[in-house]
Amino acid sequence: LIEAKKLLGFLIQLPPSFNKRDHFGTLKEFISSWPGDLKRDGYHLIVEFRHLSWMHDEVFEYLKKMGLTYCAVIEPLLPPRMDVTNLNFAYIRFHGYGKNPWFNYYFKEEEIRKWALSIREVINQVDKVGIYFNNHFSGYAVKNALMMMGELDLEPRNDPEQVSILDIKKKSGTVSSGQTGLDKFLK
């Protein structure tokens, strides 16, 4: 993928126990020892924090200086910051506000509209934006992604009706009798 320039990036998701006071040096060491060359290889390093202690200007300045992308997270434990640390690429990850677990959550239309306003501001600052919905229970991620695309006036690259792994497997004879697809959640 790297050689073909098809890799968008690597997500470095830090665990909730990984706080700034104890681990900022560790993060810097990890980044400085990264084996690839981001500019030459054409992908991005995206850092997702899971501890509130990382939400400081010093951290965001470091990300900017190193050309790293801050992963804006939509979840209950962190503020929904939309800081842009890389003008080439921004990354937004919707986890949700479910009770157990967080990602068992369906974003309502009003919420999607609100987030679309913030995302439009980010879009105006960068070359490319990646938006990822991690609220995958019951097909919520697919539904919410399509809703967000509508709010942002984007069209899917493929017609959702044509994208059906289940149909492809049925035609090739490789589908098991108990397997279901996400098709019903697109409606």
N, C-alpha and C. Protein backbone atom coordinates (compact mmCIF):
# COMPACT_ATOMS: atom_id res chain seq x y z
N LEU A 1 0.82 -1.20 0.00
CA LEU A 1 0.00 0.00 0.00
C LEU A 1 0.86 1.26 0.00
N ILE A 2 1.95 1.23 0.76
CA ILE A 2 2.83 2.40 0.80
C ILE A 2 3.44 2.64 -0.56
N GLU A 3 3.97 1.59 -1.18
CA GLU A 3 4.61 1.74 -2.49
C GLU A 3 3.62 2.22 -3.54
N ALA A 4 2.39 1.75 -3.46
CA ALA A 4 1.36 2.14 -4.43
C ALA A 4 0.71 3.48 -4.08
N LYS A 5 1.15 4.09 -2.97
CA LYS A 5 0.60 5.38 -2.50
C LYS A 5 -0.91 5.27 -2.25
N LYS A 6 -1.34 4.12 -1.71
CA LYS A 6 -2.76 3.88 -1.42
C LYS A 6 -3.06 3.92 0.07
N LEU A 7 -2.02 4.06 0.90
CA LEU A 7 -2.21 4.09 2.34
C LEU A 7 -2.44 5.52 2.80
N LEU A 8 -3.58 5.77 3.40
CA LEU A 8 -3.89 7.12 3.88
C LEU A 8 -3.09 7.44 5.13
N GLY A 9 -2.98 6.51 6.04
CA GLY A 9 -2.22 6.78 7.25
C GLY A 9 -2.27 5.66 8.26
N PHE A 10 -1.51 5.85 9.32
CA PHE A 10 -1.51 4.95 10.46
C PHE A 10 -2.12 5.68 11.63
N LEU A 11 -3.08 5.05 12.29
CA LEU A 11 -3.69 5.62 13.48
C LEU A 11 -2.94 5.11 14.70
N ILE A 12 -2.36 6.04 15.44
CA ILE A 12 -1.68 5.71 16.69
C ILE A 12 -2.65 6.03 17.81
N GLN A 13 -3.37 5.01 18.26
CA GLN A 13 -4.40 5.19 19.28
C GLN A 13 -3.78 4.89 20.64
N LEU A 14 -3.67 5.93 21.46
CA LEU A 14 -3.08 5.76 22.78
C LEU A 14 -4.14 5.26 23.76
N PRO A 15 -3.77 4.38 24.68
CA PRO A 15 -4.76 3.87 25.65
C PRO A 15 -5.15 4.95 26.66
N PRO A 16 -6.32 4.80 27.29
CA PRO A 16 -6.76 5.78 28.28
C PRO A 16 -5.79 5.95 29.44
N SER A 17 -5.01 4.94 29.75
CA SER A 17 -4.04 5.02 30.85
C SER A 17 -2.78 5.80 30.47
N PHE A 18 -2.63 6.14 29.23
CA PHE A 18 -1.43 6.80 28.70
C PHE A 18 -1.59 8.31 28.86
N ASN A 19 -1.13 8.85 30.00
CA ASN A 19 -1.32 10.28 30.26
C ASN A 19 -0.10 11.08 29.82
N LYS A 20 -0.30 12.37 29.67
CA LYS A 20 0.75 13.26 29.17
C LYS A 20 1.94 13.33 30.12
N ARG A 21 1.68 13.48 31.41
CA ARG A 21 2.76 13.65 32.39
C ARG A 21 3.75 12.48 32.33
N ASP A 22 3.23 11.27 32.29
CA ASP A 22 4.10 10.10 32.32
C ASP A 22 4.60 9.65 30.94
N HIS A 23 3.92 10.07 29.88
CA HIS A 23 4.21 9.43 28.58
C HIS A 23 4.48 10.37 27.40
N PHE A 24 4.56 11.68 27.63
CA PHE A 24 4.84 12.57 26.50
C PHE A 24 6.21 12.24 25.90
N GLY A 25 7.18 12.00 26.75
CA GLY A 25 8.51 11.62 26.28
C GLY A 25 8.49 10.32 25.49
N THR A 26 7.69 9.38 25.95
CA THR A 26 7.56 8.10 25.25
C THR A 26 6.97 8.29 23.86
N LEU A 27 5.94 9.13 23.78
CA LEU A 27 5.33 9.41 22.48
C LEU A 27 6.36 10.05 21.54
N LYS A 28 7.11 11.04 22.04
CA LYS A 28 8.12 11.70 21.22
C LYS A 28 9.17 10.70 20.74
N GLU A 29 9.59 9.81 21.62
CA GLU A 29 10.59 8.80 21.25
C GLU A 29 10.03 7.86 20.18
N PHE A 30 8.78 7.46 20.35
CA PHE A 30 8.14 6.58 19.37
C PHE A 30 8.07 7.26 18.00
N ILE A 31 7.65 8.52 17.99
CA ILE A 31 7.53 9.26 16.72
C ILE A 31 8.90 9.43 16.08
N SER A 32 9.91 9.77 16.86
CA SER A 32 11.24 9.99 16.28
C SER A 32 11.86 8.70 15.75
N SER A 33 11.40 7.55 16.26
CA SER A 33 11.94 6.28 15.77
C SER A 33 11.07 5.65 14.69
N TRP A 34 10.05 6.37 14.23
CA TRP A 34 9.17 5.82 13.18
C TRP A 34 10.03 5.49 11.96
N PRO A 35 9.90 4.28 11.41
CA PRO A 35 10.80 3.85 10.35
C PRO A 35 10.57 4.48 8.98
N GLY A 36 9.40 5.00 8.73
CA GLY A 36 9.11 5.55 7.40
C GLY A 36 9.40 7.03 7.30
N ASP A 37 9.24 7.54 6.10
CA ASP A 37 9.38 8.97 5.82
C ASP A 37 8.02 9.45 5.32
N LEU A 38 7.33 10.22 6.15
CA LEU A 38 5.96 10.62 5.83
C LEU A 38 5.85 11.36 4.50
N LYS A 39 6.75 12.28 4.25
CA LYS A 39 6.68 13.06 3.00
C LYS A 39 6.99 12.19 1.80
N ARG A 40 8.05 11.42 1.90
CA ARG A 40 8.45 10.56 0.78
C ARG A 40 7.41 9.47 0.51
N ASP A 41 6.93 8.85 1.59
CA ASP A 41 6.03 7.71 1.43
C ASP A 41 4.58 8.10 1.22
N GLY A 42 4.23 9.35 1.50
CA GLY A 42 2.90 9.86 1.16
C GLY A 42 1.75 9.44 2.06
N TYR A 43 2.03 9.08 3.29
CA TYR A 43 0.94 8.75 4.23
C TYR A 43 1.05 9.65 5.46
N HIS A 44 0.09 9.55 6.33
CA HIS A 44 0.03 10.40 7.52
C HIS A 44 0.10 9.55 8.79
N LEU A 45 0.65 10.15 9.83
CA LEU A 45 0.57 9.56 11.17
C LEU A 45 -0.49 10.34 11.92
N ILE A 46 -1.47 9.63 12.43
CA ILE A 46 -2.61 10.23 13.10
C ILE A 46 -2.54 9.80 14.56
N VAL A 47 -2.61 10.76 15.48
CA VAL A 47 -2.50 10.44 16.90
C VAL A 47 -3.85 10.66 17.57
N GLU A 48 -4.35 9.59 18.20
CA GLU A 48 -5.62 9.65 18.93
C GLU A 48 -5.34 9.52 20.42
N PHE A 49 -5.62 10.59 21.15
CA PHE A 49 -5.45 10.59 22.60
C PHE A 49 -6.73 10.10 23.26
N ARG A 50 -6.58 9.42 24.38
CA ARG A 50 -7.73 8.92 25.13
C ARG A 50 -7.72 9.41 26.58
N HIS A 51 -6.79 10.32 26.90
CA HIS A 51 -6.70 10.85 28.27
C HIS A 51 -6.75 12.37 28.19
N LEU A 52 -7.52 12.97 29.07
CA LEU A 52 -7.75 14.42 29.06
C LEU A 52 -6.47 15.23 29.21
N SER A 53 -5.45 14.68 29.84
CA SER A 53 -4.22 15.42 30.10
C SER A 53 -3.49 15.85 28.83
N TRP A 54 -3.83 15.25 27.69
CA TRP A 54 -3.17 15.60 26.43
C TRP A 54 -3.75 16.87 25.79
N MET A 55 -4.85 17.37 26.29
CA MET A 55 -5.53 18.50 25.66
C MET A 55 -4.91 19.83 26.07
N HIS A 56 -3.65 20.05 25.65
CA HIS A 56 -2.91 21.27 25.97
C HIS A 56 -2.20 21.78 24.72
N ASP A 57 -2.03 23.09 24.65
CA ASP A 57 -1.39 23.72 23.49
C ASP A 57 -0.02 23.13 23.20
N GLU A 58 0.74 22.80 24.23
CA GLU A 58 2.08 22.23 24.04
C GLU A 58 2.02 20.96 23.18
N VAL A 59 1.02 20.14 23.41
CA VAL A 59 0.86 18.89 22.65
C VAL A 59 0.51 19.20 21.20
N PHE A 60 -0.43 20.12 21.00
CA PHE A 60 -0.86 20.44 19.64
C PHE A 60 0.26 21.13 18.86
N GLU A 61 1.07 21.93 19.54
CA GLU A 61 2.23 22.55 18.87
C GLU A 61 3.24 21.49 18.46
N TYR A 62 3.45 20.49 19.30
CA TYR A 62 4.35 19.39 18.96
C TYR A 62 3.84 18.64 17.72
N LEU A 63 2.54 18.34 17.70
CA LEU A 63 1.97 17.64 16.54
C LEU A 63 2.19 18.45 15.26
N LYS A 64 1.95 19.77 15.34
CA LYS A 64 2.16 20.64 14.17
C LYS A 64 3.61 20.60 13.72
N LYS A 65 4.51 20.77 14.68
CA LYS A 65 5.95 20.80 14.36
C LYS A 65 6.40 19.51 13.67
N MET A 66 5.84 18.39 14.09
CA MET A 66 6.24 17.09 13.55
C MET A 66 5.44 16.68 12.31
N GLY A 67 4.46 17.49 11.91
CA GLY A 67 3.64 17.15 10.74
C GLY A 67 2.67 16.02 11.00
N LEU A 68 2.26 15.85 12.26
CA LEU A 68 1.35 14.77 12.65
C LEU A 68 -0.09 15.27 12.63
N THR A 69 -1.01 14.38 12.45
CA THR A 69 -2.43 14.71 12.41
C THR A 69 -3.07 14.37 13.74
N TYR A 70 -3.73 15.34 14.34
CA TYR A 70 -4.51 15.11 15.56
C TYR A 70 -5.82 14.44 15.18
N CYS A 71 -6.15 13.37 15.88
CA CYS A 71 -7.42 12.69 15.67
C CYS A 71 -8.46 13.31 16.59
N ALA A 72 -9.36 14.10 16.03
CA ALA A 72 -10.45 14.68 16.82
C ALA A 72 -11.43 13.55 17.13
N VAL A 73 -11.73 13.36 18.41
CA VAL A 73 -12.61 12.26 18.80
C VAL A 73 -13.92 12.78 19.36
N ILE A 74 -14.98 12.11 18.99
CA ILE A 74 -16.31 12.42 19.49
C ILE A 74 -16.66 11.28 20.44
N GLU A 75 -16.48 11.54 21.73
CA GLU A 75 -16.68 10.53 22.78
C GLU A 75 -16.93 11.24 24.10
N PRO A 76 -17.38 10.51 25.14
CA PRO A 76 -17.77 11.17 26.38
C PRO A 76 -16.64 11.71 27.26
N LEU A 77 -15.43 11.18 27.18
CA LEU A 77 -14.40 11.57 28.13
C LEU A 77 -13.49 12.70 27.68
N LEU A 78 -13.57 13.10 26.43
CA LEU A 78 -12.70 14.17 25.94
C LEU A 78 -13.53 15.27 25.30
N PRO A 79 -13.03 16.51 25.39
CA PRO A 79 -13.75 17.60 24.72
C PRO A 79 -13.66 17.43 23.21
N PRO A 80 -14.69 17.84 22.50
CA PRO A 80 -14.69 17.68 21.04
C PRO A 80 -13.86 18.76 20.34
N ARG A 81 -12.55 18.72 20.52
CA ARG A 81 -11.66 19.69 19.89
C ARG A 81 -11.46 19.34 18.42
N MET A 82 -11.49 20.35 17.59
CA MET A 82 -11.28 20.14 16.15
C MET A 82 -9.98 20.82 15.70
N ASP A 83 -8.94 20.71 16.50
CA ASP A 83 -7.67 21.35 16.18
C ASP A 83 -7.08 20.76 14.90
N VAL A 84 -6.59 21.63 14.04
CA VAL A 84 -5.91 21.21 12.82
C VAL A 84 -4.42 21.32 13.07
N THR A 85 -3.72 20.19 13.02
CA THR A 85 -2.27 20.19 13.25
C THR A 85 -1.49 19.88 11.98
N ASN A 86 -2.19 19.53 10.92
CA ASN A 86 -1.55 19.17 9.65
C ASN A 86 -2.44 19.73 8.54
N LEU A 87 -1.96 20.70 7.80
CA LEU A 87 -2.77 21.34 6.76
C LEU A 87 -3.06 20.42 5.58
N ASN A 88 -2.36 19.31 5.50
CA ASN A 88 -2.62 18.35 4.42
C ASN A 88 -3.76 17.40 4.73
N PHE A 89 -3.97 17.12 6.04
CA PHE A 89 -4.93 16.08 6.39
C PHE A 89 -5.46 16.28 7.80
N ALA A 90 -6.77 16.15 7.94
CA ALA A 90 -7.42 16.14 9.25
C ALA A 90 -8.19 14.84 9.38
N TYR A 91 -8.33 14.37 10.61
CA TYR A 91 -8.99 13.09 10.86
C TYR A 91 -9.96 13.24 12.03
N ILE A 92 -11.20 12.83 11.81
CA ILE A 92 -12.24 12.96 12.83
C ILE A 92 -12.84 11.58 13.04
N ARG A 93 -12.93 11.17 14.30
CA ARG A 93 -13.38 9.82 14.62
C ARG A 93 -14.57 9.89 15.57
N PHE A 94 -15.69 9.42 15.10
CA PHE A 94 -16.93 9.40 15.88
C PHE A 94 -17.05 8.07 16.61
N HIS A 95 -16.90 8.10 17.94
CA HIS A 95 -17.09 6.89 18.75
C HIS A 95 -18.53 6.80 19.24
N GLY A 96 -19.09 7.91 19.66
CA GLY A 96 -20.46 7.91 20.17
C GLY A 96 -20.52 8.18 21.66
N TYR A 97 -21.74 8.21 22.16
CA TYR A 97 -21.99 8.52 23.57
C TYR A 97 -22.83 7.42 24.22
N GLY A 98 -22.69 6.20 23.75
CA GLY A 98 -23.44 5.09 24.35
C GLY A 98 -22.98 4.82 25.77
N LYS A 99 -23.78 4.08 26.50
CA LYS A 99 -23.46 3.80 27.91
C LYS A 99 -22.50 2.62 28.06
N ASN A 100 -22.75 1.53 27.38
CA ASN A 100 -21.89 0.37 27.53
C ASN A 100 -21.99 -0.51 26.29
N PRO A 101 -21.12 -0.38 25.36
CA PRO A 101 -19.98 0.53 25.24
C PRO A 101 -20.37 1.85 24.56
N TRP A 102 -19.41 2.78 24.50
CA TRP A 102 -19.66 4.10 23.90
C TRP A 102 -20.13 3.99 22.47
N PHE A 103 -19.53 3.06 21.73
CA PHE A 103 -19.81 3.01 20.29
C PHE A 103 -21.13 2.32 19.96
N ASN A 104 -21.92 1.98 20.95
CA ASN A 104 -23.28 1.51 20.71
C ASN A 104 -24.18 2.75 20.76
N TYR A 105 -24.06 3.57 19.74
CA TYR A 105 -24.73 4.88 19.75
C TYR A 105 -25.11 5.28 18.33
N TYR A 106 -26.30 5.78 18.21
CA TYR A 106 -26.78 6.29 16.92
C TYR A 106 -26.87 7.81 17.00
N PHE A 107 -26.10 8.50 16.16
CA PHE A 107 -26.16 9.96 16.12
C PHE A 107 -27.44 10.39 15.42
N LYS A 108 -28.21 11.21 16.09
CA LYS A 108 -29.47 11.73 15.53
C LYS A 108 -29.16 12.75 14.44
N GLU A 109 -30.15 13.02 13.59
CA GLU A 109 -29.96 13.97 12.49
C GLU A 109 -29.50 15.34 12.99
N GLU A 110 -30.07 15.80 14.11
CA GLU A 110 -29.68 17.11 14.65
C GLU A 110 -28.20 17.12 15.05
N GLU A 111 -27.74 16.01 15.61
CA GLU A 111 -26.33 15.91 16.01
C GLU A 111 -25.43 15.92 14.78
N ILE A 112 -25.82 15.17 13.76
CA ILE A 112 -25.03 15.13 12.52
C ILE A 112 -24.96 16.53 11.91
N ARG A 113 -26.08 17.24 11.88
CA ARG A 113 -26.09 18.61 11.34
C ARG A 113 -25.13 19.51 12.12
N LYS A 114 -25.16 19.41 13.44
CA LYS A 114 -24.27 20.22 14.29
C LYS A 114 -22.80 19.90 14.01
N TRP A 115 -22.48 18.62 13.96
CA TRP A 115 -21.09 18.24 13.69
C TRP A 115 -20.67 18.64 12.28
N ALA A 116 -21.57 18.59 11.34
CA ALA A 116 -21.24 18.98 9.96
C ALA A 116 -20.79 20.43 9.90
N LEU A 117 -21.37 21.30 10.72
CA LEU A 117 -20.94 22.70 10.75
C LEU A 117 -19.48 22.81 11.18
N SER A 118 -19.11 22.08 12.24
CA SER A 118 -17.71 22.10 12.70
C SER A 118 -16.78 21.48 11.66
N ILE A 119 -17.24 20.41 11.03
CA ILE A 119 -16.40 19.73 10.04
C ILE A 119 -16.19 20.62 8.82
N ARG A 120 -17.19 21.38 8.43
CA ARG A 120 -17.02 22.32 7.30
C ARG A 120 -15.90 23.31 7.59
N GLU A 121 -15.79 23.77 8.83
CA GLU A 121 -14.70 24.68 9.20
C GLU A 121 -13.35 24.00 9.02
N VAL A 122 -13.26 22.73 9.40
CA VAL A 122 -12.02 21.97 9.23
C VAL A 122 -11.73 21.78 7.74
N ILE A 123 -12.74 21.43 6.97
CA ILE A 123 -12.58 21.22 5.52
C ILE A 123 -11.98 22.46 4.86
N ASN A 124 -12.37 23.63 5.33
CA ASN A 124 -11.87 24.88 4.75
C ASN A 124 -10.40 25.15 5.09
N GLN A 125 -9.84 24.39 6.02
CA GLN A 125 -8.46 24.62 6.45
C GLN A 125 -7.45 23.62 5.90
N VAL A 126 -7.93 22.49 5.39
CA VAL A 126 -7.01 21.41 5.01
C VAL A 126 -7.28 20.91 3.60
N ASP A 127 -6.31 20.14 3.08
CA ASP A 127 -6.46 19.57 1.74
C ASP A 127 -7.41 18.38 1.72
N LYS A 128 -7.37 17.56 2.77
CA LYS A 128 -8.17 16.33 2.80
C LYS A 128 -8.62 16.06 4.24
N VAL A 129 -9.84 15.52 4.37
CA VAL A 129 -10.37 15.17 5.69
C VAL A 129 -10.84 13.72 5.66
N GLY A 130 -10.45 12.97 6.68
CA GLY A 130 -10.95 11.62 6.86
C GLY A 130 -11.92 11.61 8.03
N ILE A 131 -13.10 11.07 7.81
CA ILE A 131 -14.11 10.98 8.87
C ILE A 131 -14.44 9.51 9.04
N TYR A 132 -14.32 9.04 10.27
CA TYR A 132 -14.52 7.62 10.55
C TYR A 132 -15.58 7.47 11.64
N PHE A 133 -16.57 6.66 11.38
CA PHE A 133 -17.60 6.36 12.37
C PHE A 133 -17.29 5.00 12.98
N ASN A 134 -17.04 4.98 14.28
CA ASN A 134 -16.71 3.75 14.99
C ASN A 134 -17.91 3.22 15.77
N ASN A 135 -19.08 3.80 15.59
CA ASN A 135 -20.29 3.37 16.29
C ASN A 135 -20.98 2.28 15.47
N HIS A 136 -20.36 1.13 15.42
CA HIS A 136 -20.74 0.12 14.44
C HIS A 136 -21.87 -0.81 14.84
N PHE A 137 -22.40 -0.73 16.04
CA PHE A 137 -23.51 -1.60 16.42
C PHE A 137 -24.71 -1.36 15.51
N SER A 138 -25.37 -2.41 15.13
CA SER A 138 -26.61 -2.34 14.34
C SER A 138 -26.47 -1.53 13.05
N GLY A 139 -25.28 -1.43 12.53
CA GLY A 139 -25.09 -0.68 11.29
C GLY A 139 -25.12 0.83 11.48
N TYR A 140 -25.01 1.31 12.73
CA TYR A 140 -25.07 2.75 12.98
C TYR A 140 -24.00 3.52 12.21
N ALA A 141 -22.80 2.96 12.13
CA ALA A 141 -21.71 3.67 11.45
C ALA A 141 -22.06 3.95 10.00
N VAL A 142 -22.63 2.96 9.33
CA VAL A 142 -23.00 3.13 7.92
C VAL A 142 -24.09 4.20 7.80
N LYS A 143 -25.12 4.09 8.62
CA LYS A 143 -26.22 5.06 8.57
C LYS A 143 -25.70 6.47 8.84
N ASN A 144 -24.91 6.62 9.91
CA ASN A 144 -24.43 7.95 10.26
C ASN A 144 -23.45 8.51 9.23
N ALA A 145 -22.63 7.66 8.64
CA ALA A 145 -21.70 8.12 7.60
C ALA A 145 -22.47 8.64 6.39
N LEU A 146 -23.51 7.93 6.00
CA LEU A 146 -24.33 8.39 4.87
C LEU A 146 -25.05 9.69 5.21
N MET A 147 -25.52 9.82 6.45
CA MET A 147 -26.16 11.07 6.87
C MET A 147 -25.16 12.23 6.81
N MET A 148 -23.93 11.99 7.29
CA MET A 148 -22.90 13.04 7.28
C MET A 148 -22.55 13.41 5.84
N MET A 149 -22.44 12.43 4.98
CA MET A 149 -22.15 12.73 3.57
C MET A 149 -23.23 13.63 2.99
N GLY A 150 -24.48 13.36 3.32
CA GLY A 150 -25.58 14.20 2.85
C GLY A 150 -25.47 15.62 3.38
N GLU A 151 -25.14 15.77 4.65
CA GLU A 151 -24.99 17.10 5.25
C GLU A 151 -23.83 17.88 4.63
N LEU A 152 -22.79 17.15 4.21
CA LEU A 152 -21.61 17.79 3.62
C LEU A 152 -21.69 17.86 2.09
N ASP A 153 -22.85 17.49 1.54
CA ASP A 153 -23.07 17.51 0.10
C ASP A 153 -22.07 16.64 -0.66
N LEU A 154 -21.79 15.47 -0.12
CA LEU A 154 -20.87 14.53 -0.74
C LEU A 154 -21.65 13.33 -1.26
N GLU A 155 -21.18 12.77 -2.34
CA GLU A 155 -21.79 11.57 -2.92
C GLU A 155 -20.86 10.39 -2.67
N PRO A 156 -21.42 9.22 -2.35
CA PRO A 156 -20.57 8.03 -2.22
C PRO A 156 -19.88 7.73 -3.55
N ARG A 157 -18.68 7.19 -3.48
CA ARG A 157 -17.97 6.81 -4.70
C ARG A 157 -18.70 5.69 -5.42
N ASN A 158 -19.32 4.82 -4.66
CA ASN A 158 -20.11 3.73 -5.22
C ASN A 158 -21.52 3.86 -4.70
N ASP A 159 -22.48 3.57 -5.53
CA ASP A 159 -23.87 3.58 -5.10
C ASP A 159 -24.03 2.55 -3.99
N PRO A 160 -24.54 2.96 -2.81
CA PRO A 160 -24.69 2.00 -1.71
C PRO A 160 -25.47 0.75 -2.11
N GLU A 161 -26.38 0.88 -3.06
CA GLU A 161 -27.15 -0.29 -3.50
C GLU A 161 -26.26 -1.30 -4.23
N GLN A 162 -25.17 -0.82 -4.83
CA GLN A 162 -24.28 -1.71 -5.57
C GLN A 162 -23.22 -2.34 -4.69
N VAL A 163 -22.96 -1.74 -3.54
CA VAL A 163 -21.90 -2.23 -2.67
C VAL A 163 -22.50 -3.23 -1.70
N SER A 164 -22.36 -4.48 -2.02
CA SER A 164 -22.93 -5.52 -1.17
C SER A 164 -22.03 -6.74 -1.20
N ILE A 165 -21.21 -6.88 -0.20
CA ILE A 165 -20.32 -8.04 -0.12
C ILE A 165 -21.14 -9.32 -0.07
N LEU A 166 -22.27 -9.25 0.60
CA LEU A 166 -23.12 -10.43 0.70
C LEU A 166 -23.57 -10.88 -0.68
N ASP A 167 -23.99 -9.93 -1.54
CA ASP A 167 -24.41 -10.29 -2.89
C ASP A 167 -23.25 -10.88 -3.69
N ILE A 168 -22.06 -10.30 -3.53
CA ILE A 168 -20.89 -10.81 -4.23
C ILE A 168 -20.62 -12.25 -3.79
N LYS A 169 -20.70 -12.48 -2.48
CA LYS A 169 -20.46 -13.83 -1.98
C LYS A 169 -21.55 -14.80 -2.43
N LYS A 170 -22.79 -14.33 -2.50
CA LYS A 170 -23.87 -15.20 -2.97
C LYS A 170 -23.61 -15.63 -4.41
N LYS A 171 -23.18 -14.67 -5.23
CA LYS A 171 -22.93 -14.97 -6.64
C LYS A 171 -21.76 -15.93 -6.81
N SER A 172 -20.76 -15.83 -5.92
CA SER A 172 -19.60 -16.71 -6.03
C SER A 172 -19.79 -18.03 -5.29
N GLY A 173 -20.89 -18.12 -4.51
CA GLY A 173 -21.17 -19.36 -3.78
C GLY A 173 -20.37 -19.51 -2.50
N THR A 174 -19.83 -18.40 -1.96
CA THR A 174 -18.98 -18.51 -0.77
C THR A 174 -19.66 -17.99 0.50
N VAL A 175 -20.95 -17.75 0.47
CA VAL A 175 -21.63 -17.23 1.65
C VAL A 175 -22.14 -18.39 2.50
N SER A 176 -21.96 -18.24 3.83
CA SER A 176 -22.48 -19.27 4.73
C SER A 176 -23.96 -19.01 4.96
N SER A 177 -24.69 -20.02 5.36
CA SER A 177 -26.15 -19.89 5.49
C SER A 177 -26.55 -18.91 6.58
N GLY A 178 -25.73 -18.71 7.61
CA GLY A 178 -26.10 -17.80 8.69
C GLY A 178 -25.58 -16.39 8.53
N GLN A 179 -24.87 -16.09 7.47
CA GLN A 179 -24.25 -14.79 7.30
C GLN A 179 -25.26 -13.75 6.83
N THR A 180 -25.16 -12.56 7.42
CA THR A 180 -25.99 -11.45 6.98
C THR A 180 -25.09 -10.28 6.65
N GLY A 181 -25.60 -9.34 5.90
CA GLY A 181 -24.82 -8.17 5.52
C GLY A 181 -25.39 -6.91 6.14
N LEU A 182 -24.80 -5.79 5.79
CA LEU A 182 -25.25 -4.49 6.28
C LEU A 182 -26.29 -3.86 5.37
N ASP A 183 -26.67 -4.56 4.31
CA ASP A 183 -27.56 -3.97 3.32
C ASP A 183 -28.85 -3.43 3.93
N LYS A 184 -29.45 -4.17 4.85
CA LYS A 184 -30.74 -3.72 5.41
C LYS A 184 -30.59 -2.44 6.22
N PHE A 185 -29.38 -2.13 6.69
CA PHE A 185 -29.17 -0.93 7.48
C PHE A 185 -29.01 0.32 6.62
N LEU A 186 -28.82 0.15 5.33
CA LEU A 186 -28.67 1.29 4.44
C LEU A 186 -30.01 1.90 4.09
N LYS A 187 -31.08 1.23 4.42
CA LYS A 187 -32.42 1.71 4.05
C LYS A 187 -33.04 2.50 5.16
